[in-house]
Protein backbone atom coordinates (compact mmCIF):
# COMPACT_ATOMS: atom_id res chain seq x y z
CA MET A 1 -13.47 0.07 -6.58
CA GLY A 2 -10.57 0.17 -3.94
CA ILE A 3 -7.37 2.23 -3.94
CA THR A 4 -5.14 1.63 -6.87
CA TRP A 5 -2.19 3.79 -5.72
CA ILE A 6 -1.03 3.50 -1.91
CA PRO A 7 -0.88 6.92 -0.30
CA GLY A 8 2.81 7.45 0.80
CA ALA A 9 4.20 5.07 -1.74
CA GLU A 10 6.95 5.99 -4.00
CA ARG A 11 6.30 5.39 -7.84
CA LEU A 12 8.86 2.77 -9.05
CA GLY A 13 9.32 2.32 -12.82
CA GLY A 14 7.02 3.40 -15.37
CA GLY A 15 3.78 2.43 -13.67
CA ASP A 16 2.77 -0.12 -16.31
CA ILE A 17 3.51 -3.86 -15.47
CA GLY A 18 0.42 -5.82 -16.04
CA GLY A 19 -3.10 -5.95 -17.32
CA GLU A 20 -6.68 -6.84 -16.58
CA MET A 21 -7.49 -9.71 -14.18
CA ASP A 22 -8.35 -13.09 -15.60
CA THR A 23 -11.03 -13.94 -12.99
CA PRO A 24 -12.19 -10.60 -11.65
CA ASP A 25 -15.33 -12.31 -10.12
CA GLU A 26 -12.97 -14.33 -7.75
CA PRO A 27 -12.21 -13.14 -4.20
CA PRO A 28 -9.43 -10.67 -3.79
CA ARG A 29 -6.02 -11.55 -2.27
CA ILE A 30 -2.57 -10.37 -1.31
CA VAL A 31 0.62 -12.41 -1.64
CA TRP A 32 3.86 -12.11 0.45
CA HIS A 33 7.16 -12.69 -0.84
CA THR A 34 10.66 -11.88 0.46
CA THR A 35 13.55 -10.71 -1.83
CA GLU A 36 16.12 -12.94 -0.01
CA SER A 37 18.34 -9.91 0.45
CA GLY A 38 19.17 -7.28 3.09
CA ALA A 39 17.28 -4.11 3.71
CA GLY A 40 18.03 -0.39 3.78
CA ASP A 41 17.69 2.33 1.27
CA ALA A 42 20.71 1.09 -1.05
CA GLU A 43 19.14 -2.30 -1.22
CA PHE A 44 15.67 -0.99 -1.73
CA ASP A 45 16.92 1.11 -4.75
CA SER A 46 19.11 -1.73 -6.26
CA THR A 47 16.25 -4.35 -5.79
CA ALA A 48 13.96 -2.17 -7.45
CA ASP A 49 16.13 -1.46 -10.48
CA TYR A 50 16.66 -5.31 -10.61
CA LEU A 51 13.09 -6.33 -10.58
CA ILE A 52 12.36 -3.71 -13.33
CA GLU A 53 15.39 -5.15 -15.46
CA ILE A 54 14.21 -8.65 -15.20
CA GLY A 55 10.52 -7.93 -15.61
CA ALA A 56 9.58 -9.51 -12.45
CA GLU A 57 7.87 -6.60 -10.65
CA PRO A 58 5.41 -7.08 -7.87
CA HIS A 59 2.98 -4.29 -7.08
CA VAL A 60 4.81 -3.37 -3.99
CA LEU A 61 8.29 -3.14 -2.42
CA TYR A 62 8.64 -2.87 1.35
CA ASP A 63 11.49 -2.34 3.82
CA PRO A 64 10.44 -3.81 7.05
CA THR A 65 13.43 -1.92 8.93
CA THR A 66 12.46 1.68 7.52
CA ASP A 67 8.96 1.40 6.62
CA ARG A 68 9.86 2.54 3.12
CA ILE A 69 7.37 1.55 0.47
CA GLY A 70 7.29 1.81 -3.26
CA GLN A 71 4.85 0.73 -5.93
CA PHE A 72 5.43 -0.56 -9.46
CA GLY A 73 1.82 -0.64 -10.64
CA PRO A 74 -1.81 -0.13 -9.98
CA LEU A 75 -3.40 -2.57 -7.65
CA ASP A 76 -6.32 -3.38 -9.90
CA GLU A 77 -4.11 -4.78 -12.60
CA SER A 78 -1.80 -7.83 -12.63
CA ALA A 79 1.81 -8.00 -11.42
CA ARG A 80 4.66 -10.37 -12.51
CA ALA A 81 5.98 -12.04 -9.50
CA LEU A 82 4.23 -15.34 -9.65
CA ARG A 83 4.84 -18.28 -11.98
CA ASN A 84 1.86 -19.58 -13.82
CA ASP A 85 0.08 -22.86 -12.66
CA GLY A 86 0.13 -24.58 -16.08
CA GLY A 87 -2.39 -22.53 -18.18
CA ASP A 88 -3.69 -20.78 -14.93
CA ARG A 89 -2.20 -17.19 -14.74
CA THR A 90 -1.80 -16.97 -11.04
CA ASN A 91 -0.72 -13.36 -11.10
CA ARG A 92 -4.11 -12.49 -12.80
CA THR A 93 -6.33 -14.41 -10.21
CA GLY A 94 -9.04 -12.58 -8.42
CA ALA A 95 -10.39 -9.12 -8.17
CA VAL A 96 -6.95 -8.18 -7.20
CA CYS A 97 -3.78 -10.40 -6.49
CA ILE A 98 -1.67 -7.72 -4.68
CA GLN A 99 2.11 -8.76 -4.78
CA VAL A 100 4.17 -7.65 -2.14
CA GLU A 101 8.19 -8.13 -2.02
CA VAL A 102 9.68 -7.55 1.48
CA LEU A 103 13.35 -6.83 1.80
CA ALA A 104 14.18 -9.83 3.82
CA ARG A 105 15.03 -13.40 3.87
CA ALA A 106 12.70 -16.43 4.51
CA SER A 107 15.17 -17.91 6.79
CA GLU A 108 14.84 -14.98 9.18
CA PRO A 109 11.08 -14.01 9.39
CA PHE A 110 10.91 -10.15 9.19
CA THR A 111 8.28 -9.99 11.64
CA GLY A 112 10.88 -10.84 14.39
CA TYR A 113 12.66 -7.55 13.91
CA TRP A 114 10.61 -5.13 11.70
CA GLN A 115 9.48 -1.66 12.21
CA PRO A 116 6.04 -1.17 10.71
CA GLY A 117 4.86 2.25 10.45
CA PRO A 118 2.22 4.31 8.54
CA ASN A 119 3.17 3.02 5.20
CA PHE A 120 2.60 -0.45 6.20
CA ALA A 121 -0.72 0.49 7.78
CA ALA A 122 -1.47 2.36 4.27
CA LEU A 123 -0.65 -0.93 2.33
CA LEU A 124 -3.07 -2.94 4.68
CA ASP A 125 -5.70 -0.29 4.37
CA ALA A 126 -5.31 -0.41 0.50
CA ALA A 127 -5.87 -4.31 0.41
CA ARG A 128 -8.80 -3.96 2.72
CA SER A 129 -10.10 -1.27 0.55
CA TRP A 130 -10.44 -4.19 -2.11
CA GLY A 131 -12.20 -6.52 0.28
CA VAL A 132 -9.34 -8.57 1.10
CA PRO A 133 -10.19 -10.47 4.36
CA ASP A 134 -8.15 -10.67 7.51
CA ALA A 135 -7.48 -14.27 6.97
CA TRP A 136 -4.90 -16.86 5.81
CA PRO A 137 -6.82 -19.41 3.86
CA ALA A 138 -3.80 -21.71 3.09
CA GLY A 139 -2.95 -22.13 6.91
CA ASP A 140 0.72 -22.36 7.97
CA LEU A 141 3.64 -20.97 6.10
CA ALA A 142 7.01 -22.89 5.49
CA ALA A 143 9.46 -22.83 8.10
CA ASP A 144 12.27 -23.77 5.70
CA ASP A 145 13.08 -25.10 2.27
CA SER A 146 12.09 -28.59 3.08
CA ASP A 147 8.52 -27.77 4.84
CA SER A 148 5.50 -28.57 2.90
CA THR A 149 2.61 -26.03 2.52
CA SER A 150 -0.67 -26.10 0.92
CA ARG A 151 -0.71 -24.92 -2.57
CA ASP A 152 -4.31 -26.29 -3.11
CA SER A 153 -5.74 -24.74 -6.35
CA ASP A 154 -9.33 -24.84 -5.07
CA THR A 155 -8.47 -22.79 -2.04
CA TRP A 156 -6.59 -20.45 -4.11
CA HIS A 157 -9.51 -19.67 -6.48
CA SER A 158 -12.19 -19.89 -4.00
CA GLU A 159 -10.94 -18.00 -0.74
CA GLY A 160 -9.79 -14.53 -0.52
CA GLY A 161 -7.28 -13.31 2.02
CA HIS A 162 -3.43 -13.34 2.64
CA TYR A 163 -1.16 -15.96 1.05
CA GLY A 164 2.54 -16.53 1.24
CA HIS A 165 4.38 -17.19 -2.11
CA ALA A 166 4.76 -20.71 -0.51
CA ASN A 167 1.00 -21.25 -0.87
CA VAL A 168 0.58 -20.33 -4.59
CA PRO A 169 -0.17 -23.28 -6.99
CA GLY A 170 2.43 -23.74 -9.63
CA ASN A 171 5.10 -22.15 -7.50
CA ASP A 172 8.05 -23.59 -5.72
CA HIS A 173 9.43 -21.02 -3.43
CA TRP A 174 9.04 -21.21 0.27
CA ASP A 175 9.07 -17.62 1.04
CA PRO A 176 8.27 -15.56 3.07
CA GLY A 177 9.07 -17.92 5.79
CA ALA A 178 7.44 -18.56 9.09
CA ILE A 179 6.31 -15.04 9.68
CA ASP A 180 3.85 -14.04 12.59
CA ARG A 181 0.59 -14.01 10.52
CA SER A 182 -1.36 -12.36 13.28
CA ALA A 183 1.39 -9.80 13.51
CA ILE A 184 0.72 -8.75 9.88
CA LEU A 185 -2.72 -8.18 10.33
CA ALA A 186 -2.45 -6.32 13.67
CA ALA A 187 0.28 -3.81 12.28
CA GLY A 188 -2.34 -2.33 10.06
CA SER A 189 -4.44 0.60 11.32
CA GLY A 190 -7.09 -1.68 12.76
CA ASP A 191 -10.48 -1.41 11.36
CA ALA A 192 -10.66 -1.09 7.72
CA PRO A 193 -12.06 2.40 6.80
CA TYR A 194 -13.24 1.12 3.44
CA PRO A 195 -16.27 -0.72 2.33
CA SER A 196 -15.91 -4.48 1.43
CA THR A 197 -15.96 -4.92 -2.41
CA THR A 198 -14.92 -7.62 -4.87
CA GLY A 199 -14.06 -4.83 -7.42
CA THR A 200 -15.91 -6.51 -10.24
CA GLY A 201 -16.85 -3.34 -11.98
CA THR A 202 -20.52 -3.57 -11.64
CA ALA A 203 -22.79 -0.64 -11.92
CA ASP A 204 -23.17 -0.50 -8.24
CA ASP A 205 -19.52 -0.45 -7.73
CA GLU A 206 -19.12 2.28 -10.32
CA SER A 207 -21.65 4.31 -8.48
CA ASP A 208 -19.85 3.91 -5.16
CA ALA A 209 -16.56 5.06 -6.96
CA SER A 210 -18.11 8.12 -8.39
CA SER A 211 -19.49 9.04 -4.95
CA GLY A 212 -16.22 8.56 -3.22
CA THR A 213 -17.16 5.84 -0.65
CA ASP A 214 -14.10 3.83 -1.69
CA ALA A 215 -11.50 6.34 -0.48
CA ALA A 216 -10.31 7.73 2.88
CA GLU A 217 -12.07 11.06 3.62
CA VAL A 218 -10.02 14.00 4.84
CA SER A 219 -11.70 16.81 6.69
CA LEU A 220 -10.60 20.34 5.40
CA ALA A 221 -11.42 21.98 8.70
CA LYS A 222 -9.44 19.39 10.77
CA VAL A 223 -6.30 19.96 8.33
CA VAL A 224 -6.58 23.65 8.45
CA ALA A 225 -7.01 23.60 12.29
CA ALA A 226 -3.89 21.42 12.41
CA ALA A 227 -1.96 23.62 10.20
CA GLY A 228 -2.79 26.40 12.44
CA SER A 229 -2.07 25.03 15.85
CA ASP A 230 0.78 22.15 15.33
CA PRO A 231 3.71 24.34 14.17
CA ASP A 232 3.53 26.34 17.54
CA ALA A 233 2.98 23.41 19.81
CA ALA A 234 5.59 20.97 21.24
CA GLN A 235 7.47 19.15 18.83
CA GLY A 236 5.49 16.14 17.41
CA ALA A 237 2.15 17.56 18.81
CA THR A 238 -0.98 16.25 16.90
CA THR A 239 -4.24 18.06 16.92
CA HIS A 240 -5.84 15.82 14.11
CA ARG A 241 -3.41 12.94 13.65
CA ASP A 242 -5.66 10.53 11.36
CA ASP A 243 -6.31 13.24 8.83
CA VAL A 244 -2.94 14.83 8.75
CA LEU A 245 -1.32 11.55 8.13
CA VAL A 246 -3.28 10.91 5.00
CA VAL A 247 -2.13 14.43 3.77
CA GLU A 248 1.57 13.72 4.76
CA ARG A 249 1.64 10.38 3.10
CA ALA A 250 0.66 12.02 -0.24
CA LEU A 251 3.21 14.70 0.28
CA GLN A 252 5.78 12.12 0.76
CA ALA A 253 4.78 10.16 -2.37
CA GLU A 254 5.29 13.48 -4.20
CA GLY A 255 8.93 13.90 -2.88
CA LEU A 256 8.07 16.84 -0.88
CA LEU A 257 8.33 15.30 2.67
CA SER A 258 10.83 13.03 4.12
CA GLY A 259 9.42 10.00 5.72
CA ASP A 260 10.75 11.00 9.15
CA TRP A 261 8.22 13.70 9.14
CA VAL A 262 5.16 11.62 8.24
CA ASP A 263 3.92 11.37 11.99
CA GLY A 264 0.52 12.94 11.92
CA SER A 265 1.73 16.63 13.22
CA PHE A 266 1.18 19.30 10.75
CA GLY A 267 4.41 21.01 11.91
CA THR A 268 6.82 23.43 9.94
CA ARG A 269 8.14 20.59 7.79
CA THR A 270 4.75 19.47 6.61
CA GLN A 271 3.77 23.18 6.32
CA TYR A 272 6.90 23.82 3.93
CA ALA A 273 6.01 20.67 1.85
CA TYR A 274 2.50 21.73 1.35
CA ALA A 275 3.49 25.22 0.34
CA GLU A 276 5.75 23.61 -2.39
CA TRP A 277 2.64 21.51 -3.34
CA GLN A 278 0.69 24.80 -3.64
CA SER A 279 3.47 26.05 -5.74
CA ARG A 280 3.21 23.14 -8.11
CA CYS A 281 -0.38 23.89 -8.24
CA GLY A 282 0.28 27.46 -9.57
CA TYR A 283 -0.01 29.42 -6.48
CA GLU A 284 2.35 32.08 -5.24
CA GLY A 285 3.07 34.33 -2.29
CA ASP A 286 0.44 34.41 0.16
CA ASP A 287 -1.54 31.94 -1.59
CA ALA A 288 1.40 29.34 -1.20
CA ASP A 289 1.62 29.60 2.61
CA GLY A 290 1.58 25.96 3.48
CA VAL A 291 -2.22 26.03 4.94
CA PRO A 292 -4.34 23.78 2.74
CA GLY A 293 -7.22 25.12 0.58
CA ARG A 294 -10.02 23.05 -0.71
CA THR A 295 -8.73 23.24 -4.46
CA THR A 296 -5.01 22.05 -3.75
CA LEU A 297 -6.16 19.49 -1.19
CA GLU A 298 -8.77 18.03 -3.56
CA LYS A 299 -6.13 17.96 -6.25
CA LEU A 300 -3.74 16.20 -3.96
CA GLY A 301 -6.61 13.73 -2.94
CA ALA A 302 -7.23 12.81 -6.54
CA GLU A 303 -3.65 12.11 -7.27
CA HIS A 304 -3.25 9.92 -4.00
CA GLY A 305 -6.64 8.35 -3.40
CA PHE A 306 -8.42 10.34 -0.75
CA ARG A 307 -11.47 12.60 -0.92
CA VAL A 308 -11.84 15.87 0.89
CA GLY A 309 -14.82 16.57 3.24
CA ASP A 310 -15.77 19.61 5.22
């Protein structure tokens, strides 16, 4: 099993948008769309509300100008952003079929001006946790509404990877436009820190999930060390950036930390946010001092897809 809820993603709507996949034995994939709108927080909020209203929710809504990310439903269930291909329910193809709506227009490829950050990296990491390969099986994307692209059904069913909406059988949209496909892959965190899995729910998969091998690991000792040193260091100083980033994304998803401070530095803003999390967990006084302990960190990890090591 892979990550179902992306660390750092805001929860949008009620969290129940689909159901089980029709062909979980087929390869995993991610599909890129554009909303054909502007970007920014106001557009993000109104688009999220509109998609919920019309019942066309993807899994993920992403703003390429602010790195803001929201999630409507778990990645291991279907979304609602694709048309069927006859009797073939394309939303339910594969081990996962992750749908991403980007606040952008196909006519102006967002990779020409975007500002990908830690939330985009978390999105790519989540896709890779399901074994989605860094490949574009259908080839070129459409450059305009008259450009033809491959919508080959055999490719769709047999090859996992990244697809544009323009590559999906039974669909006639040409989004996301001629985005830079290599830039999408390069904007992630690099090497996928998760094992490749088809997510078919076999006994071996369940064993891996129970042992925690499908989730990012955060070192308690490193996070505590960062909480002890970063607040007194120069602004933005990072002691253990990778571990702290995972915690900060989870705090952001809880609404406790602004995205402006998700930077890998366990500074005072992160410390205050963690103290609020400790308070939510029932701790008071000196026990809610903003320095993580194993109990509260493990609870945060259980909510946001990471495990806690020594």
